[in-house]
PDB file of N, CA and C in Angstrom:
ATOM      1  N   MET A   1      13.892  40.119 -96.574  1.00  0.00           N
ATOM      2  CA  MET A   1      15.162  40.457 -97.138  1.00  0.00           C
ATOM      3  C   MET A   1      16.237  39.674 -96.403  1.00  0.00           C
ATOM      4  N   MET A   2      17.077  39.030 -97.158  1.00  0.00           N
ATOM      5  CA  MET A   2      18.197  38.281 -96.593  1.00  0.00           C
ATOM      6  C   MET A   2      19.353  39.242 -96.354  1.00  0.00           C
ATOM      7  N   ASP A   3      19.945  39.156 -95.148  1.00  0.00           N
ATOM      8  CA  ASP A   3      21.028  40.060 -94.781  1.00  0.00           C
ATOM      9  C   ASP A   3      21.820  39.426 -93.647  1.00  0.00           C
ATOM     10  N   ILE A   4      22.879  40.079 -93.249  1.00  0.00           N
ATOM     11  CA  ILE A   4      23.656  39.620 -92.100  1.00  0.00           C
ATOM     12  C   ILE A   4      22.838  39.890 -90.844  1.00  0.00           C
ATOM     13  N   ALA A   5      22.612  38.855 -90.061  1.00  0.00           N
ATOM     14  CA  ALA A   5      21.763  38.961 -88.870  1.00  0.00           C
ATOM     15  C   ALA A   5      22.524  39.601 -87.713  1.00  0.00           C
ATOM     16  N   LEU A   6      21.750  40.267 -86.854  1.00  0.00           N
ATOM     17  CA  LEU A   6      22.290  40.845 -85.628  1.00  0.00           C
ATOM     18  C   LEU A   6      21.788  40.055 -84.434  1.00  0.00           C
ATOM     19  N   ALA A   7      22.630  39.950 -83.411  1.00  0.00           N
ATOM     20  CA  ALA A   7      22.236  39.307 -82.157  1.00  0.00           C
ATOM     21  C   ALA A   7      21.366  40.270 -81.361  1.00  0.00           C
ATOM     22  N   ASP A   8      20.842  39.820 -80.235  1.00  0.00           N
ATOM     23  CA  ASP A   8      19.984  40.656 -79.391  1.00  0.00           C
ATOM     24  C   ASP A   8      20.700  41.913 -78.899  1.00  0.00           C
ATOM     25  N   ASN A   9      22.018  41.846 -78.769  1.00  0.00           N
ATOM     26  CA  ASN A   9      22.781  43.012 -78.322  1.00  0.00           C
ATOM     27  C   ASN A   9      23.165  43.923 -79.498  1.00  0.00           C
ATOM     28  N   GLU A  10      22.611  43.658 -80.671  1.00  0.00           N
ATOM     29  CA  GLU A  10      22.806  44.413 -81.915  1.00  0.00           C
ATOM     30  C   GLU A  10      24.215  44.300 -82.465  1.00  0.00           C
ATOM     31  N   ASP A  11      24.957  43.293 -82.049  1.00  0.00           N
ATOM     32  CA  ASP A  11      26.256  43.000 -82.629  1.00  0.00           C
ATOM     33  C   ASP A  11      26.040  41.969 -83.739  1.00  0.00           C
ATOM     34  N   VAL A  12      26.978  41.866 -84.653  1.00  0.00           N
ATOM     35  CA  VAL A  12      26.868  40.899 -85.747  1.00  0.00           C
ATOM     36  C   VAL A  12      26.792  39.495 -85.168  1.00  0.00           C
ATOM     37  N   LEU A  13      25.833  38.715 -85.653  1.00  0.00           N
ATOM     38  CA  LEU A  13      25.645  37.344 -85.182  1.00  0.00           C
ATOM     39  C   LEU A  13      26.615  36.422 -85.919  1.00  0.00           C
ATOM     40  N   ILE A  14      27.424  35.696 -85.141  1.00  0.00           N
ATOM     41  CA  ILE A  14      28.426  34.795 -85.713  1.00  0.00           C
ATOM     42  C   ILE A  14      28.215  33.416 -85.112  1.00  0.00           C
ATOM     43  N   ARG A  15      28.163  32.400 -85.992  1.00  0.00           N
ATOM     44  CA  ARG A  15      28.075  30.993 -85.565  1.00  0.00           C
ATOM     45  C   ARG A  15      29.151  30.202 -86.286  1.00  0.00           C
ATOM     46  N   SER A  16      29.869  29.422 -85.547  1.00  0.00           N
ATOM     47  CA  SER A  16      30.943  28.582 -86.094  1.00  0.00           C
ATOM     48  C   SER A  16      31.936  29.411 -86.903  1.00  0.00           C
ATOM     49  N   GLY A  17      32.173  30.639 -86.478  1.00  0.00           N
ATOM     50  CA  GLY A  17      33.146  31.495 -87.141  1.00  0.00           C
ATOM     51  C   GLY A  17      32.655  32.207 -88.382  1.00  0.00           C
ATOM     52  N   ASP A  18      31.374  32.057 -88.720  1.00  0.00           N
ATOM     53  CA  ASP A  18      30.821  32.684 -89.919  1.00  0.00           C
ATOM     54  C   ASP A  18      29.684  33.632 -89.566  1.00  0.00           C
ATOM     55  N   PHE A  19      29.524  34.677 -90.385  1.00  0.00           N
ATOM     56  CA  PHE A  19      28.368  35.547 -90.252  1.00  0.00           C
ATOM     57  C   PHE A  19      27.110  34.740 -90.535  1.00  0.00           C
ATOM     58  N   VAL A  20      26.046  35.028 -89.807  1.00  0.00           N
ATOM     59  CA  VAL A  20      24.767  34.351 -90.022  1.00  0.00           C
ATOM     60  C   VAL A  20      23.950  35.186 -91.007  1.00  0.00           C
ATOM     61  N   ILE A  21      23.532  34.558 -92.082  1.00  0.00           N
ATOM     62  CA  ILE A  21      22.655  35.195 -93.073  1.00  0.00           C
ATOM     63  C   ILE A  21      21.247  34.694 -92.788  1.00  0.00           C
ATOM     64  N   ASP A  22      20.296  35.639 -92.654  1.00  0.00           N
ATOM     65  CA  ASP A  22      18.934  35.270 -92.280  1.00  0.00           C
ATOM     66  C   ASP A  22      17.958  36.287 -92.853  1.00  0.00           C
ATOM     67  N   GLU A  23      16.679  36.013 -92.730  1.00  0.00           N
ATOM     68  CA  GLU A  23      15.623  36.951 -93.125  1.00  0.00           C
ATOM     69  C   GLU A  23      15.613  38.068 -92.088  1.00  0.00           C
ATOM     70  N   CYS A  24      15.840  39.296 -92.521  1.00  0.00           N
ATOM     71  CA  CYS A  24      16.087  40.389 -91.571  1.00  0.00           C
ATOM     72  C   CYS A  24      15.138  41.577 -91.725  1.00  0.00           C
ATOM     73  N   THR A  25      13.955  41.378 -92.282  1.00  0.00           N
ATOM     74  CA  THR A  25      13.023  42.491 -92.443  1.00  0.00           C
ATOM     75  C   THR A  25      12.690  43.130 -91.095  1.00  0.00           C
ATOM     76  N   ALA A  26      12.366  42.328 -90.090  1.00  0.00           N
ATOM     77  CA  ALA A  26      12.030  42.868 -88.767  1.00  0.00           C
ATOM     78  C   ALA A  26      13.220  43.598 -88.154  1.00  0.00           C
ATOM     79  N   GLN A  27      14.403  43.088 -88.370  1.00  0.00           N
ATOM     80  CA  GLN A  27      15.621  43.723 -87.876  1.00  0.00           C
ATOM     81  C   GLN A  27      15.803  45.097 -88.529  1.00  0.00           C
ATOM     82  N   HIS A  28      15.589  45.191 -89.838  1.00  0.00           N
ATOM     83  CA  HIS A  28      15.702  46.468 -90.545  1.00  0.00           C
ATOM     84  C   HIS A  28      14.643  47.459 -90.053  1.00  0.00           C
ATOM     85  N   GLN A  29      13.434  46.969 -89.850  1.00  0.00           N
ATOM     86  CA  GLN A  29      12.371  47.840 -89.350  1.00  0.00           C
ATOM     87  C   GLN A  29      12.725  48.393 -87.978  1.00  0.00           C
ATOM     88  N   GLN A  30      13.224  47.537 -87.105  1.00  0.00           N
ATOM     89  CA  GLN A  30      13.613  47.964 -85.765  1.00  0.00           C
ATOM     90  C   GLN A  30      14.703  49.032 -85.839  1.00  0.00           C
ATOM     91  N   GLN A  31      15.699  48.818 -86.679  1.00  0.00           N
ATOM     92  CA  GLN A  31      16.787  49.783 -86.804  1.00  0.00           C
ATOM     93  C   GLN A  31      16.287  51.124 -87.341  1.00  0.00           C
ATOM     94  N   LEU A  32      15.394  51.093 -88.318  1.00  0.00           N
ATOM     95  CA  LEU A  32      14.837  52.339 -88.851  1.00  0.00           C
ATOM     96  C   LEU A  32      14.041  53.092 -87.788  1.00  0.00           C
ATOM     97  N   ILE A  33      13.271  52.369 -86.983  1.00  0.00           N
ATOM     98  CA  ILE A  33      12.429  53.000 -85.964  1.00  0.00           C
ATOM     99  C   ILE A  33      13.277  53.586 -84.836  1.00  0.00           C
ATOM    100  N   LEU A  34      14.276  52.870 -84.381  1.00  0.00           N
ATOM    101  CA  LEU A  34      15.059  53.300 -83.221  1.00  0.00           C
ATOM    102  C   LEU A  34      16.059  54.411 -83.521  1.00  0.00           C
ATOM    103  N   ASN A  35      16.639  54.411 -84.717  1.00  0.00           N
ATOM    104  CA  ASN A  35      17.707  55.354 -85.022  1.00  0.00           C
ATOM    105  C   ASN A  35      17.173  56.690 -85.519  1.00  0.00           C
ATOM    106  N   ASN A  36      17.898  57.736 -85.167  1.00  0.00           N
ATOM    107  CA  ASN A  36      17.563  59.102 -85.588  1.00  0.00           C
ATOM    108  C   ASN A  36      18.183  59.405 -86.946  1.00  0.00           C
ATOM    109  N   LYS A  37      17.664  60.410 -87.602  1.00  0.00           N
ATOM    110  CA  LYS A  37      18.300  60.893 -88.822  1.00  0.00           C
ATOM    111  C   LYS A  37      19.718  61.322 -88.459  1.00  0.00           C
ATOM    112  N   GLY A  38      20.665  60.925 -89.284  1.00  0.00           N
ATOM    113  CA  GLY A  38      22.067  61.245 -89.028  1.00  0.00           C
ATOM    114  C   GLY A  38      22.838  60.139 -88.337  1.00  0.00           C
ATOM    115  N   ASP A  39      22.159  59.138 -87.791  1.00  0.00           N
ATOM    116  CA  ASP A  39      22.852  58.038 -87.118  1.00  0.00           C
ATOM    117  C   ASP A  39      23.604  57.143 -88.104  1.00  0.00           C
ATOM    118  N   PHE A  40      23.083  57.000 -89.312  1.00  0.00           N
ATOM    119  CA  PHE A  40      23.744  56.206 -90.347  1.00  0.00           C
ATOM    120  C   PHE A  40      24.509  57.167 -91.242  1.00  0.00           C
ATOM    121  N   LYS A  41      25.811  57.208 -91.086  1.00  0.00           N
ATOM    122  CA  LYS A  41      26.632  58.186 -91.812  1.00  0.00           C
ATOM    123  C   LYS A  41      26.591  57.976 -93.323  1.00  0.00           C
ATOM    124  N   GLN A  42      26.391  56.738 -93.781  1.00  0.00           N
ATOM    125  CA  GLN A  42      26.342  56.478 -95.215  1.00  0.00           C
ATOM    126  C   GLN A  42      25.027  56.953 -95.833  1.00  0.00           C
ATOM    127  N   ASN A  43      23.991  57.158 -95.003  1.00  0.00           N
ATOM    128  CA  ASN A  43      22.704  57.663 -95.480  1.00  0.00           C
ATOM    129  C   ASN A  43      22.060  58.460 -94.339  1.00  0.00           C
ATOM    130  N   PRO A  44      22.480  59.702 -94.137  1.00  0.00           N
ATOM    131  CA  PRO A  44      22.056  60.470 -92.964  1.00  0.00           C
ATOM    132  C   PRO A  44      20.606  60.932 -92.965  1.00  0.00           C
ATOM    133  N   THR A  45      19.875  60.709 -94.040  1.00  0.00           N
ATOM    134  CA  THR A  45      18.481  61.181 -94.083  1.00  0.00           C
ATOM    135  C   THR A  45      17.477  60.130 -93.655  1.00  0.00           C
ATOM    136  N   ILE A  46      17.934  58.895 -93.332  1.00  0.00           N
ATOM    137  CA  ILE A  46      16.982  57.858 -92.919  1.00  0.00           C
ATOM    138  C   ILE A  46      16.905  57.770 -91.403  1.00  0.00           C
ATOM    139  N   GLY A  47      15.795  57.260 -90.921  1.00  0.00           N
ATOM    140  CA  GLY A  47      15.595  57.044 -89.489  1.00  0.00           C
ATOM    141  C   GLY A  47      14.357  57.754 -88.978  1.00  0.00           C
ATOM    142  N   VAL A  48      13.725  57.158 -87.977  1.00  0.00           N
ATOM    143  CA  VAL A  48      12.506  57.705 -87.392  1.00  0.00           C
ATOM    144  C   VAL A  48      12.812  58.450 -86.098  1.00  0.00           C
ATOM    145  N   GLY A  49      13.633  57.873 -85.228  1.00  0.00           N
ATOM    146  CA  GLY A  49      13.912  58.477 -83.931  1.00  0.00           C
ATOM    147  C   GLY A  49      12.698  58.409 -83.029  1.00  0.00           C
ATOM    148  N   VAL A  50      12.240  57.201 -82.741  1.00  0.00           N
ATOM    149  CA  VAL A  50      10.993  56.975 -82.006  1.00  0.00           C
ATOM    150  C   VAL A  50      10.965  57.680 -80.660  1.00  0.00           C
ATOM    151  N   PHE A  51      12.100  57.902 -80.053  1.00  0.00           N
ATOM    152  CA  PHE A  51      12.133  58.508 -78.724  1.00  0.00           C
ATOM    153  C   PHE A  51      11.776  59.993 -78.748  1.00  0.00           C
ATOM    154  N   GLU A  52      11.651  60.558 -79.933  1.00  0.00           N
ATOM    155  CA  GLU A  52      11.198  61.945 -80.070  1.00  0.00           C
ATOM    156  C   GLU A  52       9.669  62.047 -79.984  1.00  0.00           C
ATOM    157  N   TYR A  53       8.982  60.911 -79.977  1.00  0.00           N
ATOM    158  CA  TYR A  53       7.518  60.865 -80.024  1.00  0.00           C
ATOM    159  C   TYR A  53       6.936  60.336 -78.726  1.00  0.00           C
ATOM    160  N   PHE A  54       7.394  60.808 -77.588  1.00  0.00           N
ATOM    161  CA  PHE A  54       6.940  60.260 -76.314  1.00  0.00           C
ATOM    162  C   PHE A  54       5.517  60.655 -75.938  1.00  0.00           C
ATOM    163  N   ASP A  55       5.096  61.857 -76.248  1.00  0.00           N
ATOM    164  CA  ASP A  55       3.762  62.282 -75.816  1.00  0.00           C
ATOM    165  C   ASP A  55       2.697  61.818 -76.804  1.00  0.00           C
ATOM    166  N   ASP A  56       1.491  61.634 -76.300  1.00  0.00           N
ATOM    167  CA  ASP A  56       0.403  61.064 -77.086  1.00  0.00           C
ATOM    168  C   ASP A  56      -0.032  61.936 -78.255  1.00  0.00           C
ATOM    169  N   GLU A  57       0.193  63.225 -78.187  1.00  0.00           N
ATOM    170  CA  GLU A  57      -0.311  64.093 -79.244  1.00  0.00           C
ATOM    171  C   GLU A  57       0.444  63.934 -80.556  1.00  0.00           C
ATOM    172  N   HIS A  58       1.587  63.271 -80.546  1.00  0.00           N
ATOM    173  CA  HIS A  58       2.358  63.103 -81.769  1.00  0.00           C
ATOM    174  C   HIS A  58       2.320  61.664 -82.306  1.00  0.00           C
ATOM    175  N   MET A  59       1.413  60.837 -81.823  1.00  0.00           N
ATOM    176  CA  MET A  59       1.368  59.445 -82.262  1.00  0.00           C
ATOM    177  C   MET A  59       1.008  59.316 -83.748  1.00  0.00           C
ATOM    178  N   ARG A  60       0.146  60.165 -84.243  1.00  0.00           N
ATOM    179  CA  ARG A  60      -0.166  60.128 -85.679  1.00  0.00           C
ATOM    180  C   ARG A  60       1.064  60.471 -86.497  1.00  0.00           C
ATOM    181  N   ASP A  61       1.843  61.440 -86.007  1.00  0.00           N
ATOM    182  CA  ASP A  61       3.084  61.805 -86.686  1.00  0.00           C
ATOM    183  C   ASP A  61       4.054  60.633 -86.696  1.00  0.00           C
ATOM    184  N   LEU A  62       4.123  59.889 -85.584  1.00  0.00           N
ATOM    185  CA  LEU A  62       4.999  58.720 -85.504  1.00  0.00           C
ATOM    186  C   LEU A  62       4.596  57.686 -86.543  1.00  0.00           C
ATOM    187  N   ILE A  63       3.322  57.364 -86.616  1.00  0.00           N
ATOM    188  CA  ILE A  63       2.843  56.359 -87.572  1.00  0.00           C
ATOM    189  C   ILE A  63       3.132  56.802 -89.002  1.00  0.00           C
ATOM    190  N   ARG A  64       2.901  58.073 -89.289  1.00  0.00           N
ATOM    191  CA  ARG A  64       3.161  58.602 -90.634  1.00  0.00           C
ATOM    192  C   ARG A  64       4.652  58.540 -90.958  1.00  0.00           C
ATOM    193  N   THR A  65       5.501  58.920 -90.019  1.00  0.00           N
ATOM    194  CA  THR A  65       6.941  58.907 -90.240  1.00  0.00           C
ATOM    195  C   THR A  65       7.457  57.491 -90.445  1.00  0.00           C
ATOM    196  N   VAL A  66       6.971  56.541 -89.661  1.00  0.00           N
ATOM    197  CA  VAL A  66       7.375  55.142 -89.828  1.00  0.00           C
ATOM    198  C   VAL A  66       6.977  54.656 -91.217  1.00  0.00           C
ATOM    199  N   SER A  67       5.773  54.948 -91.632  1.00  0.00           N
ATOM    200  CA  SER A  67       5.303  54.540 -92.956  1.00  0.00           C
ATOM    201  C   SER A  67       6.180  55.127 -94.066  1.00  0.00           C
ATOM    202  N   ILE A  68       6.510  56.394 -93.949  1.00  0.00           N
ATOM    203  CA  ILE A  68       7.351  57.056 -94.957  1.00  0.00           C
ATOM    204  C   ILE A  68       8.745  56.430 -94.998  1.00  0.00           C
ATOM    205  N   GLU A  69       9.343  56.218 -93.838  1.00  0.00           N
ATOM    206  CA  GLU A  69      10.700  55.659 -93.790  1.00  0.00           C
ATOM    207  C   GLU A  69      10.740  54.220 -94.307  1.00  0.00           C
ATOM    208  N   PHE A  70       9.731  53.419 -93.976  1.00  0.00           N
ATOM    209  CA  PHE A  70       9.676  52.051 -94.496  1.00  0.00           C
ATOM    210  C   PHE A  70       9.568  52.075 -96.016  1.00  0.00           C
ATOM    211  N   ALA A  71       8.718  52.925 -96.555  1.00  0.00           N
ATOM    212  CA  ALA A  71       8.553  53.029 -98.012  1.00  0.00           C
ATOM    213  C   ALA A  71       9.850  53.508 -98.667  1.00  0.00           C
ATOM    214  N   ARG A  72      10.530  54.473 -98.063  1.00  0.00           N
ATOM    215  CA  ARG A  72      11.799  54.964 -98.605  1.00  0.00           C
ATOM    216  C   ARG A  72      12.858  53.871 -98.624  1.00  0.00           C
ATOM    217  N   ASP A  73      12.749  52.915 -97.703  1.00  0.00           N
ATOM    218  CA  ASP A  73      13.717  51.823 -97.634  1.00  0.00           C
ATOM    219  C   ASP A  73      13.357  50.684 -98.590  1.00  0.00           C
ATOM    220  N   GLY A  74      12.268  50.836 -99.336  1.00  0.00           N
ATOM    221  CA  GLY A  74      11.899  49.836-100.336  1.00  0.00           C
ATOM    222  C   GLY A  74      10.837  48.857 -99.905  1.00  0.00           C
ATOM    223  N   MET A  75      10.159  49.132 -98.817  1.00  0.00           N
ATOM    224  CA  MET A  75       9.109  48.227 -98.344  1.00  0.00           C
ATOM    225  C   MET A  75       7.759  48.614 -98.930  1.00  0.00           C
ATOM    226  N   ASP A  76       6.925  47.609 -99.110  1.00  0.00           N
ATOM    227  CA  ASP A  76       5.528  47.811 -99.480  1.00  0.00           C
ATOM    228  C   ASP A  76       4.754  47.891 -98.167  1.00  0.00           C
ATOM    229  N   VAL A  77       4.318  49.088 -97.795  1.00  0.00           N
ATOM    230  CA  VAL A  77       3.673  49.313 -96.509  1.00  0.00           C
ATOM    231  C   VAL A  77       2.168  49.143 -96.655  1.00  0.00           C
ATOM    232  N   GLN A  78       1.626  48.125 -96.013  1.00  0.00           N
ATOM    233  CA  GLN A  78       0.194  47.873 -96.028  1.00  0.00           C
ATOM    234  C   GLN A  78      -0.504  48.566 -94.875  1.00  0.00           C
ATOM    235  N   ASP A  79       0.121  48.502 -93.680  1.00  0.00           N
ATOM    236  CA  ASP A  79      -0.534  49.048 -92.490  1.00  0.00           C
ATOM    237  C   ASP A  79       0.492  49.256 -91.377  1.00  0.00           C
ATOM    238  N   ILE A  80       0.349  50.352 -90.664  1.00  0.00           N
ATOM    239  CA  ILE A  80       1.131  50.635 -89.463  1.00  0.00           C
ATOM    240  C   ILE A  80       0.128  51.040 -88.390  1.00  0.00           C
ATOM    241  N   LYS A  81       0.177  50.363 -87.234  1.00  0.00           N
ATOM    242  CA  LYS A  81      -0.771  50.650 -86.149  1.00  0.00           C
ATOM    243  C   LYS A  81      -0.025  50.756 -84.833  1.00  0.00           C
ATOM    244  N   LEU A  82      -0.622  51.497 -83.928  1.00  0.00           N
ATOM    245  CA  LEU A  82      -0.152  51.564 -82.555  1.00  0.00           C
ATOM    246  C   LEU A  82      -1.261  50.992 -81.695  1.00  0.00           C
ATOM    247  N   ASP A  83      -1.006  49.857 -81.017  1.00  0.00           N
ATOM    248  CA  ASP A  83      -2.072  49.230 -80.237  1.00  0.00           C
ATOM    249  C   ASP A  83      -2.247  49.923 -78.882  1.00  0.00           C
ATOM    250  N   ALA A  84      -3.218  49.475 -78.102  1.00  0.00           N
ATOM    251  CA  ALA A  84      -3.570  50.099 -76.830  1.00  0.00           C
ATOM    252  C   ALA A  84      -2.417  50.067 -75.822  1.00  0.00           C
ATOM    253  N   ALA A  85      -1.530  49.080 -75.958  1.00  0.00           N
ATOM    254  CA  ALA A  85      -0.391  48.959 -75.052  1.00  0.00           C
ATOM    255  C   ALA A  85       0.796  49.808 -75.511  1.00  0.00           C
ATOM    256  N   GLY A  86       0.641  50.491 -76.638  1.00  0.00           N
ATOM    257  CA  GLY A  86       1.716  51.334 -77.154  1.00  0.00           C
ATOM    258  C   GLY A  86       2.725  50.602 -78.009  1.00  0.00           C
ATOM    259  N   VAL A  87       2.362  49.409 -78.477  1.00  0.00           N
ATOM    260  CA  VAL A  87       3.249  48.615 -79.319  1.00  0.00           C
ATOM    261  C   VAL A  87       2.962  48.940 -80.782  1.00  0.00           C
ATOM    262  N   LEU A  88       4.009  49.242 -81.523  1.00  0.00           N
ATOM    263  CA  LEU A  88       3.891  49.566 -82.934  1.00  0.00           C
ATOM    264  C   LEU A  88       3.834  48.268 -83.734  1.00  0.00           C
ATOM    265  N   LYS A  89       2.776  48.081 -84.492  1.00  0.00           N
ATOM    266  CA  LYS A  89       2.581  46.883 -85.314  1.00  0.00           C
ATOM    267  C   LYS A  89       2.657  47.297 -86.777  1.00  0.00           C
ATOM    268  N   SER A  90       3.426  46.553 -87.556  1.00  0.00           N
ATOM    269  CA  SER A  90       3.552  46.910 -88.967  1.00  0.00           C
ATOM    270  C   SER A  90       3.257  45.715 -89.859  1.00  0.00           C
ATOM    271  N   ASN A  91       2.681  46.029 -90.978  1.00  0.00           N
ATOM    272  CA  ASN A  91       2.489  45.070 -92.049  1.00  0.00           C
ATOM    273  C   ASN A  91       3.187  45.688 -93.258  1.00  0.00           C
ATOM    274  N   ALA A  92       4.502  45.509 -93.301  1.00  0.00           N
ATOM    275  CA  ALA A  92       5.324  46.083 -94.356  1.00  0.00           C
ATOM    276  C   ALA A  92       6.439  45.105 -94.701  1.00  0.00           C
ATOM    277  N   TYR A  93       6.608  44.843 -95.984  1.00  0.00           N
ATOM    278  CA  TYR A  93       7.602  43.872 -96.438  1.00  0.00           C
ATOM    279  C   TYR A  93       8.320  44.406 -97.663  1.00  0.00           C
ATOM    280  N   TYR A  94       9.557  43.960 -97.837  1.00  0.00           N
ATOM    281  CA  TYR A  94      10.318  44.377 -99.010  1.00  0.00           C
ATOM    282  C   TYR A  94       9.697  43.800-100.272  1.00  0.00           C
ATOM    283  N   LYS A  95       9.678  44.608-101.308  1.00  0.00           N
ATOM    284  CA  LYS A  95       9.085  44.215-102.604  1.00  0.00           C
ATOM    285  C   LYS A  95       9.949  43.186-103.296  1.00  0.00           C
TER     286      LYS A  95
END
């Protein structure tokens, strides 16, 4: 999905005085995973809130919630995995 890109500090990326337009699927996924429900005032029902899933017993819930939120955002979710190092891997792209 093409959108306004964010810099590493999550501020709008600007080059030569213009907003940078780039492929931002990974950026959208990151924002959905990190933000809690209610963080986006224009759509308060979206968000995963990954920091609520710190203990191992809720990892299945985390994967399920990420899959649901990605699908609600319009992505075709093929696979969501949590690897041995605790890194969330997704195979989900906008339709």
